PDB file of all heavy atoms in Angstrom:
ATOM      1  N   ILE A   1       0.827  -1.213   0.000  1.00  0.00           N
ATOM      2  CA  ILE A   1       0.000   0.000   0.000  1.00  0.00           C
ATOM      3  C   ILE A   1       0.862   1.265   0.000  1.00  0.00           C
ATOM      4  O   ILE A   1       0.759   2.078  -0.927  1.00  0.00           O
ATOM      5  CB  ILE A   1      -0.991  -0.014   1.177  1.00  0.00           C
ATOM      6  CG1 ILE A   1      -1.969  -1.184   1.032  1.00  0.00           C
ATOM      7  CG2 ILE A   1      -1.765   1.304   1.236  1.00  0.00           C
ATOM      8  CD1 ILE A   1      -2.888  -1.387   2.217  1.00  0.00           C
ATOM      9  N   PRO A   2       1.739   1.479   0.992  1.00  0.00           N
ATOM     10  CA  PRO A   2       2.566   2.692   0.934  1.00  0.00           C
ATOM     11  C   PRO A   2       3.619   2.646  -0.161  1.00  0.00           C
ATOM     12  O   PRO A   2       3.930   3.676  -0.768  1.00  0.00           O
ATOM     13  CB  PRO A   2       3.211   2.744   2.327  1.00  0.00           C
ATOM     14  CG  PRO A   2       3.198   1.336   2.817  1.00  0.00           C
ATOM     15  CD  PRO A   2       1.957   0.725   2.250  1.00  0.00           C
ATOM     16  N   VAL A   3       4.165   1.459  -0.438  1.00  0.00           N
ATOM     17  CA  VAL A   3       5.236   1.352  -1.431  1.00  0.00           C
ATOM     18  C   VAL A   3       4.729   1.695  -2.827  1.00  0.00           C
ATOM     19  O   VAL A   3       5.315   2.512  -3.547  1.00  0.00           O
ATOM     20  CB  VAL A   3       5.830  -0.074  -1.424  1.00  0.00           C
ATOM     21  CG1 VAL A   3       6.752  -0.270  -2.630  1.00  0.00           C
ATOM     22  CG2 VAL A   3       6.607  -0.316  -0.139  1.00  0.00           C
ATOM     23  N   MET A   4       3.618   1.081  -3.221  1.00  0.00           N
ATOM     24  CA  MET A   4       3.106   1.289  -4.567  1.00  0.00           C
ATOM     25  C   MET A   4       2.485   2.669  -4.722  1.00  0.00           C
ATOM     26  O   MET A   4       2.554   3.281  -5.789  1.00  0.00           O
ATOM     27  CB  MET A   4       2.120   0.185  -4.916  1.00  0.00           C
ATOM     28  CG  MET A   4       2.813  -1.177  -5.066  1.00  0.00           C
ATOM     29  SD  MET A   4       1.701  -2.602  -4.968  1.00  0.00           S
ATOM     30  CE  MET A   4       0.635  -2.309  -6.352  1.00  0.00           C
ATOM     31  N   PHE A   5       1.866   3.171  -3.654  1.00  0.00           N
ATOM     32  CA  PHE A   5       1.341   4.529  -3.708  1.00  0.00           C
ATOM     33  C   PHE A   5       2.486   5.523  -3.885  1.00  0.00           C
ATOM     34  O   PHE A   5       2.401   6.456  -4.706  1.00  0.00           O
ATOM     35  CB  PHE A   5       0.560   4.852  -2.439  1.00  0.00           C
ATOM     36  CG  PHE A   5      -0.005   6.247  -2.427  1.00  0.00           C
ATOM     37  CD1 PHE A   5      -1.184   6.530  -3.102  1.00  0.00           C
ATOM     38  CD2 PHE A   5       0.658   7.265  -1.756  1.00  0.00           C
ATOM     39  CE1 PHE A   5      -1.703   7.830  -3.109  1.00  0.00           C
ATOM     40  CE2 PHE A   5       0.152   8.563  -1.762  1.00  0.00           C
ATOM     41  CZ  PHE A   5      -1.033   8.839  -2.435  1.00  0.00           C
ATOM     42  N   GLY A   6       3.561   5.333  -3.126  1.00  0.00           N
ATOM     43  CA  GLY A   6       4.716   6.224  -3.240  1.00  0.00           C
ATOM     44  C   GLY A   6       5.366   6.156  -4.609  1.00  0.00           C
ATOM     45  O   GLY A   6       5.728   7.185  -5.183  1.00  0.00           O
ATOM     46  N   ALA A   7       5.521   4.933  -5.139  1.00  0.00           N
ATOM     47  CA  ALA A   7       6.134   4.771  -6.466  1.00  0.00           C
ATOM     48  C   ALA A   7       5.281   5.427  -7.542  1.00  0.00           C
ATOM     49  O   ALA A   7       5.798   6.076  -8.466  1.00  0.00           O
ATOM     50  CB  ALA A   7       6.321   3.290  -6.769  1.00  0.00           C
ATOM     51  N   SER A   8       3.961   5.274  -7.438  1.00  0.00           N
ATOM     52  CA  SER A   8       3.047   5.871  -8.417  1.00  0.00           C
ATOM     53  C   SER A   8       3.112   7.389  -8.355  1.00  0.00           C
ATOM     54  O   SER A   8       3.158   8.070  -9.388  1.00  0.00           O
ATOM     55  CB  SER A   8       1.611   5.393  -8.160  1.00  0.00           C
ATOM     56  OG  SER A   8       1.519   3.988  -8.301  1.00  0.00           O
ATOM     57  N   LEU A   9       3.116   7.925  -7.138  1.00  0.00           N
ATOM     58  CA  LEU A   9       3.181   9.375  -6.972  1.00  0.00           C
ATOM     59  C   LEU A   9       4.485   9.927  -7.539  1.00  0.00           C
ATOM     60  O   LEU A   9       4.490  10.971  -8.218  1.00  0.00           O
ATOM     61  CB  LEU A   9       3.064   9.733  -5.489  1.00  0.00           C
ATOM     62  CG  LEU A   9       3.073  11.225  -5.141  1.00  0.00           C
ATOM     63  CD1 LEU A   9       1.883  11.923  -5.796  1.00  0.00           C
ATOM     64  CD2 LEU A   9       3.046  11.423  -3.631  1.00  0.00           C
ATOM     65  N   LEU A  10       5.584   9.205  -7.310  1.00  0.00           N
ATOM     66  CA  LEU A  10       6.886   9.641  -7.812  1.00  0.00           C
ATOM     67  C   LEU A  10       6.903   9.683  -9.341  1.00  0.00           C
ATOM     68  O   LEU A  10       7.404  10.636  -9.952  1.00  0.00           O
ATOM     69  CB  LEU A  10       7.985   8.699  -7.300  1.00  0.00           C
ATOM     70  CG  LEU A  10       9.433   9.025  -7.674  1.00  0.00           C
ATOM     71  CD1 LEU A  10       9.841  10.374  -7.098  1.00  0.00           C
ATOM     72  CD2 LEU A  10      10.377   7.926  -7.187  1.00  0.00           C
ATOM     73  N   LYS A  11       6.325   8.662  -9.972  1.00  0.00           N
ATOM     74  CA  LYS A  11       6.276   8.616 -11.436  1.00  0.00           C
ATOM     75  C   LYS A  11       5.405   9.732 -12.005  1.00  0.00           C
ATOM     76  O   LYS A  11       5.741  10.335 -13.027  1.00  0.00           O
ATOM     77  CB  LYS A  11       5.747   7.255 -11.888  1.00  0.00           C
ATOM     78  CG  LYS A  11       6.715   6.104 -11.703  1.00  0.00           C
ATOM     79  CD  LYS A  11       7.917   6.236 -12.623  1.00  0.00           C
ATOM     80  CE  LYS A  11       8.835   5.030 -12.493  1.00  0.00           C
ATOM     81  NZ  LYS A  11      10.029   5.139 -13.370  1.00  0.00           N
ATOM     82  N   ILE A  12       4.260   9.984 -11.354  1.00  0.00           N
ATOM     83  CA  ILE A  12       3.364  11.042 -11.837  1.00  0.00           C
ATOM     84  C   ILE A  12       4.045  12.402 -11.730  1.00  0.00           C
ATOM     85  O   ILE A  12       3.967  13.233 -12.649  1.00  0.00           O
ATOM     86  CB  ILE A  12       2.042  11.037 -11.041  1.00  0.00           C
ATOM     87  CG1 ILE A  12       1.222   9.787 -11.386  1.00  0.00           C
ATOM     88  CG2 ILE A  12       1.224  12.288 -11.357  1.00  0.00           C
ATOM     89  CD1 ILE A  12      -0.068   9.668 -10.597  1.00  0.00           C
ATOM     90  N   VAL A  13       4.730  12.653 -10.622  1.00  0.00           N
ATOM     91  CA  VAL A  13       5.426  13.925 -10.427  1.00  0.00           C
ATOM     92  C   VAL A  13       6.501  14.106 -11.493  1.00  0.00           C
ATOM     93  O   VAL A  13       6.660  15.191 -12.073  1.00  0.00           O
ATOM     94  CB  VAL A  13       6.033  14.001  -9.018  1.00  0.00           C
ATOM     95  CG1 VAL A  13       6.965  15.203  -8.894  1.00  0.00           C
ATOM     96  CG2 VAL A  13       4.931  14.090  -7.972  1.00  0.00           C
ATOM     97  N   LYS A  14       7.257  13.039 -11.775  1.00  0.00           N
ATOM     98  CA  LYS A  14       8.312  13.125 -12.780  1.00  0.00           C
ATOM     99  C   LYS A  14       7.739  13.305 -14.181  1.00  0.00           C
ATOM    100  O   LYS A  14       8.306  14.014 -15.012  1.00  0.00           O
ATOM    101  CB  LYS A  14       9.198  11.875 -12.731  1.00  0.00           C
ATOM    102  CG  LYS A  14      10.095  11.810 -11.506  1.00  0.00           C
ATOM    103  CD  LYS A  14      11.014  10.603 -11.562  1.00  0.00           C
ATOM    104  CE  LYS A  14      11.970  10.600 -10.375  1.00  0.00           C
ATOM    105  NZ  LYS A  14      12.902   9.444 -10.413  1.00  0.00           N
ATOM    106  N   PHE A  15       6.610  12.658 -14.459  1.00  0.00           N
ATOM    107  CA  PHE A  15       5.981  12.764 -15.777  1.00  0.00           C
ATOM    108  C   PHE A  15       5.318  14.123 -15.947  1.00  0.00           C
ATOM    109  O   PHE A  15       5.321  14.707 -17.028  1.00  0.00           O
ATOM    110  CB  PHE A  15       4.931  11.655 -15.948  1.00  0.00           C
ATOM    111  CG  PHE A  15       4.221  11.684 -17.272  1.00  0.00           C
ATOM    112  CD1 PHE A  15       4.802  11.126 -18.408  1.00  0.00           C
ATOM    113  CD2 PHE A  15       2.964  12.266 -17.390  1.00  0.00           C
ATOM    114  CE1 PHE A  15       4.145  11.145 -19.629  1.00  0.00           C
ATOM    115  CE2 PHE A  15       2.293  12.290 -18.605  1.00  0.00           C
ATOM    116  CZ  PHE A  15       2.886  11.734 -19.729  1.00  0.00           C
ATOM    117  N   GLY A  16       4.773  14.640 -14.857  1.00  0.00           N
ATOM    118  CA  GLY A  16       4.016  15.888 -14.921  1.00  0.00           C
ATOM    119  C   GLY A  16       2.526  15.585 -14.924  1.00  0.00           C
ATOM    120  O   GLY A  16       2.110  14.460 -15.193  1.00  0.00           O
ATOM    121  N   PHE A  17       1.729  16.590 -14.651  1.00  0.00           N
ATOM    122  CA  PHE A  17       0.285  16.383 -14.547  1.00  0.00           C
ATOM    123  C   PHE A  17      -0.455  16.820 -15.808  1.00  0.00           C
ATOM    124  O   PHE A  17      -1.664  16.997 -15.791  1.00  0.00           O
ATOM    125  CB  PHE A  17      -0.252  17.141 -13.327  1.00  0.00           C
ATOM    126  CG  PHE A  17       0.225  16.574 -12.018  1.00  0.00           C
ATOM    127  CD1 PHE A  17       1.406  17.009 -11.447  1.00  0.00           C
ATOM    128  CD2 PHE A  17      -0.504  15.575 -11.372  1.00  0.00           C
ATOM    129  CE1 PHE A  17       1.856  16.486 -10.239  1.00  0.00           C
ATOM    130  CE2 PHE A  17      -0.066  15.046 -10.170  1.00  0.00           C
ATOM    131  CZ  PHE A  17       1.116  15.493  -9.604  1.00  0.00           C
ATOM    132  N   GLU A  18       0.275  16.997 -16.894  1.00  0.00           N
ATOM    133  CA  GLU A  18      -0.338  17.398 -18.154  1.00  0.00           C
ATOM    134  C   GLU A  18      -0.532  16.163 -19.033  1.00  0.00           C
ATOM    135  O   GLU A  18       0.402  15.692 -19.682  1.00  0.00           O
ATOM    136  CB  GLU A  18       0.518  18.439 -18.861  1.00  0.00           C
ATOM    137  CG  GLU A  18       0.651  19.741 -18.088  1.00  0.00           C
ATOM    138  CD  GLU A  18       1.473  20.778 -18.838  1.00  0.00           C
ATOM    139  OE1 GLU A  18       1.898  20.472 -19.981  1.00  0.00           O
ATOM    140  OE2 GLU A  18       1.686  21.864 -18.293  1.00  0.00           O
ATOM    141  N   PHE A  19      -1.740  15.629 -19.029  1.00  0.00           N
ATOM    142  CA  PHE A  19      -2.075  14.462 -19.829  1.00  0.00           C
ATOM    143  C   PHE A  19      -2.918  14.874 -21.024  1.00  0.00           C
ATOM    144  O   PHE A  19      -3.736  15.800 -20.933  1.00  0.00           O
ATOM    145  CB  PHE A  19      -2.885  13.445 -19.006  1.00  0.00           C
ATOM    146  CG  PHE A  19      -2.178  12.930 -17.785  1.00  0.00           C
ATOM    147  CD1 PHE A  19      -2.408  13.497 -16.542  1.00  0.00           C
ATOM    148  CD2 PHE A  19      -1.286  11.880 -17.886  1.00  0.00           C
ATOM    149  CE1 PHE A  19      -1.767  13.025 -15.414  1.00  0.00           C
ATOM    150  CE2 PHE A  19      -0.644  11.398 -16.763  1.00  0.00           C
ATOM    151  CZ  PHE A  19      -0.878  11.974 -15.521  1.00  0.00           C
ATOM    152  N   THR A  20      -2.743  14.173 -22.124  1.00  0.00           N
ATOM    153  CA  THR A  20      -3.706  14.313 -23.205  1.00  0.00           C
ATOM    154  C   THR A  20      -4.978  13.574 -22.780  1.00  0.00           C
ATOM    155  O   THR A  20      -4.954  12.752 -21.847  1.00  0.00           O
ATOM    156  CB  THR A  20      -3.183  13.727 -24.520  1.00  0.00           C
ATOM    157  OG1 THR A  20      -3.030  12.297 -24.362  1.00  0.00           O
ATOM    158  CG2 THR A  20      -1.832  14.331 -24.893  1.00  0.00           C
ATOM    159  N   SER A  21      -6.079  13.845 -23.451  1.00  0.00           N
ATOM    160  CA  SER A  21      -7.332  13.163 -23.092  1.00  0.00           C
ATOM    161  C   SER A  21      -7.195  11.662 -23.265  1.00  0.00           C
ATOM    162  O   SER A  21      -7.734  10.883 -22.464  1.00  0.00           O
ATOM    163  CB  SER A  21      -8.483  13.698 -23.948  1.00  0.00           C
ATOM    164  OG  SER A  21      -8.211  13.517 -25.329  1.00  0.00           O
ATOM    165  N   LEU A  22      -6.471  11.222 -24.289  1.00  0.00           N
ATOM    166  CA  LEU A  22      -6.285   9.782 -24.503  1.00  0.00           C
ATOM    167  C   LEU A  22      -5.428   9.183 -23.396  1.00  0.00           C
ATOM    168  O   LEU A  22      -5.744   8.103 -22.877  1.00  0.00           O
ATOM    169  CB  LEU A  22      -5.640   9.519 -25.860  1.00  0.00           C
ATOM    170  CG  LEU A  22      -5.332   8.043 -26.166  1.00  0.00           C
ATOM    171  CD1 LEU A  22      -6.600   7.196 -26.131  1.00  0.00           C
ATOM    172  CD2 LEU A  22      -4.628   7.901 -27.521  1.00  0.00           C
ATOM    173  N   GLU A  23      -4.348   9.861 -23.026  1.00  0.00           N
ATOM    174  CA  GLU A  23      -3.487   9.344 -21.963  1.00  0.00           C
ATOM    175  C   GLU A  23      -4.263   9.187 -20.663  1.00  0.00           C
ATOM    176  O   GLU A  23      -4.116   8.171 -19.957  1.00  0.00           O
ATOM    177  CB  GLU A  23      -2.296  10.282 -21.755  1.00  0.00           C
ATOM    178  CG  GLU A  23      -1.267  10.224 -22.869  1.00  0.00           C
ATOM    179  CD  GLU A  23      -0.163  11.250 -22.717  1.00  0.00           C
ATOM    180  OE1 GLU A  23      -0.366  12.230 -21.964  1.00  0.00           O
ATOM    181  OE2 GLU A  23       0.903  11.075 -23.337  1.00  0.00           O
ATOM    182  N   LEU A  24      -5.079  10.174 -20.319  1.00  0.00           N
ATOM    183  CA  LEU A  24      -5.858  10.091 -19.094  1.00  0.00           C
ATOM    184  C   LEU A  24      -6.873   8.950 -19.167  1.00  0.00           C
ATOM    185  O   LEU A  24      -7.068   8.219 -18.184  1.00  0.00           O
ATOM    186  CB  LEU A  24      -6.590  11.417 -18.855  1.00  0.00           C
ATOM    187  CG  LEU A  24      -7.327  11.554 -17.513  1.00  0.00           C
ATOM    188  CD1 LEU A  24      -6.369  11.366 -16.347  1.00  0.00           C
ATOM    189  CD2 LEU A  24      -8.029  12.901 -17.419  1.00  0.00           C
ATOM    190  N   THR A  25      -7.484   8.765 -20.321  1.00  0.00           N
ATOM    191  CA  THR A  25      -8.443   7.667 -20.505  1.00  0.00           C
ATOM    192  C   THR A  25      -7.755   6.317 -20.355  1.00  0.00           C
ATOM    193  O   THR A  25      -8.278   5.404 -19.693  1.00  0.00           O
ATOM    194  CB  THR A  25      -9.103   7.754 -21.892  1.00  0.00           C
ATOM    195  OG1 THR A  25      -9.792   8.999 -22.016  1.00  0.00           O
ATOM    196  CG2 THR A  25     -10.085   6.608 -22.106  1.00  0.00           C
ATOM    197  N   LEU A  26      -6.576   6.179 -20.939  1.00  0.00           N
ATOM    198  CA  LEU A  26      -5.825   4.918 -20.852  1.00  0.00           C
ATOM    199  C   LEU A  26      -5.422   4.642 -19.408  1.00  0.00           C
ATOM    200  O   LEU A  26      -5.501   3.497 -18.936  1.00  0.00           O
ATOM    201  CB  LEU A  26      -4.583   4.980 -21.736  1.00  0.00           C
ATOM    202  CG  LEU A  26      -4.809   5.111 -23.248  1.00  0.00           C
ATOM    203  CD1 LEU A  26      -3.477   5.221 -23.979  1.00  0.00           C
ATOM    204  CD2 LEU A  26      -5.608   3.930 -23.779  1.00  0.00           C
ATOM    205  N   LEU A  27      -4.999   5.679 -18.705  1.00  0.00           N
ATOM    206  CA  LEU A  27      -4.557   5.517 -17.319  1.00  0.00           C
ATOM    207  C   LEU A  27      -5.713   5.083 -16.425  1.00  0.00           C
ATOM    208  O   LEU A  27      -5.570   4.160 -15.605  1.00  0.00           O
ATOM    209  CB  LEU A  27      -3.969   6.836 -16.825  1.00  0.00           C
ATOM    210  CG  LEU A  27      -3.113   6.791 -15.559  1.00  0.00           C
ATOM    211  CD1 LEU A  27      -1.925   5.860 -15.738  1.00  0.00           C
ATOM    212  CD2 LEU A  27      -2.643   8.198 -15.206  1.00  0.00           C
ATOM    213  N   ILE A  28      -6.860   5.726 -16.579  1.00  0.00           N
ATOM    214  CA  ILE A  28      -8.022   5.374 -15.772  1.00  0.00           C
ATOM    215  C   ILE A  28      -8.499   3.967 -16.105  1.00  0.00           C
ATOM    216  O   ILE A  28      -8.817   3.170 -15.202  1.00  0.00           O
ATOM    217  CB  ILE A  28      -9.159   6.392 -15.993  1.00  0.00           C
ATOM    218  CG1 ILE A  28      -8.758   7.761 -15.425  1.00  0.00           C
ATOM    219  CG2 ILE A  28     -10.458   5.907 -15.344  1.00  0.00           C
ATOM    220  CD1 ILE A  28      -9.735   8.867 -15.744  1.00  0.00           C
ATOM    221  N   THR A  29      -8.533   3.635 -17.385  1.00  0.00           N
ATOM    222  CA  THR A  29      -8.981   2.301 -17.810  1.00  0.00           C
ATOM    223  C   THR A  29      -8.089   1.210 -17.235  1.00  0.00           C
ATOM    224  O   THR A  29      -8.571   0.234 -16.648  1.00  0.00           O
ATOM    225  CB  THR A  29      -8.982   2.200 -19.347  1.00  0.00           C
ATOM    226  OG1 THR A  29      -9.866   3.183 -19.890  1.00  0.00           O
ATOM    227  CG2 THR A  29      -9.425   0.816 -19.798  1.00  0.00           C
ATOM    228  N   GLY A  30      -6.775   1.370 -17.386  1.00  0.00           N
ATOM    229  CA  GLY A  30      -5.843   0.370 -16.864  1.00  0.00           C
ATOM    230  C   GLY A  30      -5.941   0.220 -15.367  1.00  0.00           C
ATOM    231  O   GLY A  30      -5.877  -0.896 -14.828  1.00  0.00           O
ATOM    232  N   THR A  31      -6.136   1.324 -14.646  1.00  0.00           N
ATOM    233  CA  THR A  31      -6.231   1.298 -13.189  1.00  0.00           C
ATOM    234  C   THR A  31      -7.492   0.584 -12.720  1.00  0.00           C
ATOM    235  O   THR A  31      -7.452  -0.243 -11.797  1.00  0.00           O
ATOM    236  CB  THR A  31      -6.202   2.732 -12.631  1.00  0.00           C
ATOM    237  OG1 THR A  31      -4.988   3.380 -13.038  1.00  0.00           O
ATOM    238  CG2 THR A  31      -6.276   2.722 -11.112  1.00  0.00           C
ATOM    239  N   VAL A  32      -8.620   0.897 -13.351  1.00  0.00           N
ATOM    240  CA  VAL A  32      -9.895   0.271 -12.967  1.00  0.00           C
ATOM    241  C   VAL A  32      -9.862  -1.229 -13.244  1.00  0.00           C
ATOM    242  O   VAL A  32     -10.280  -2.037 -12.402  1.00  0.00           O
ATOM    243  CB  VAL A  32     -11.071   0.933 -13.720  1.00  0.00           C
ATOM    244  CG1 VAL A  32     -12.350   0.143 -13.509  1.00  0.00           C
ATOM    245  CG2 VAL A  32     -11.253   2.372 -13.263  1.00  0.00           C
ATOM    246  N   VAL A  33      -9.351  -1.613 -14.399  1.00  0.00           N
ATOM    247  CA  VAL A  33      -9.277  -3.042 -14.734  1.00  0.00           C
ATOM    248  C   VAL A  33      -8.337  -3.757 -13.776  1.00  0.00           C
ATOM    249  O   VAL A  33      -8.629  -4.872 -13.315  1.00  0.00           O
ATOM    250  CB  VAL A  33      -8.805  -3.229 -16.191  1.00  0.00           C
ATOM    251  CG1 VAL A  33      -8.550  -4.703 -16.487  1.00  0.00           C
ATOM    252  CG2 VAL A  33      -9.845  -2.675 -17.164  1.00  0.00           C
ATOM    253  N   SER A  34      -7.211  -3.123 -13.458  1.00  0.00           N
ATOM    254  CA  SER A  34      -6.261  -3.706 -12.505  1.00  0.00           C
ATOM    255  C   SER A  34      -6.924  -3.950 -11.160  1.00  0.00           C
ATOM    256  O   SER A  34      -6.692  -4.980 -10.512  1.00  0.00           O
ATOM    257  CB  SER A  34      -5.058  -2.771 -12.346  1.00  0.00           C
ATOM    258  OG  SER A  34      -4.204  -3.210 -11.316  1.00  0.00           O
TER     259      SER A  34
END
């Protein structure tokens, strides 16, 4: 729980919070299915 949350937050910060609409859709889809 803390490890994966921290790793995810670190990747998002490094990537930035500017997603295209497709990127955001893909991210939400993959997360929900997971």
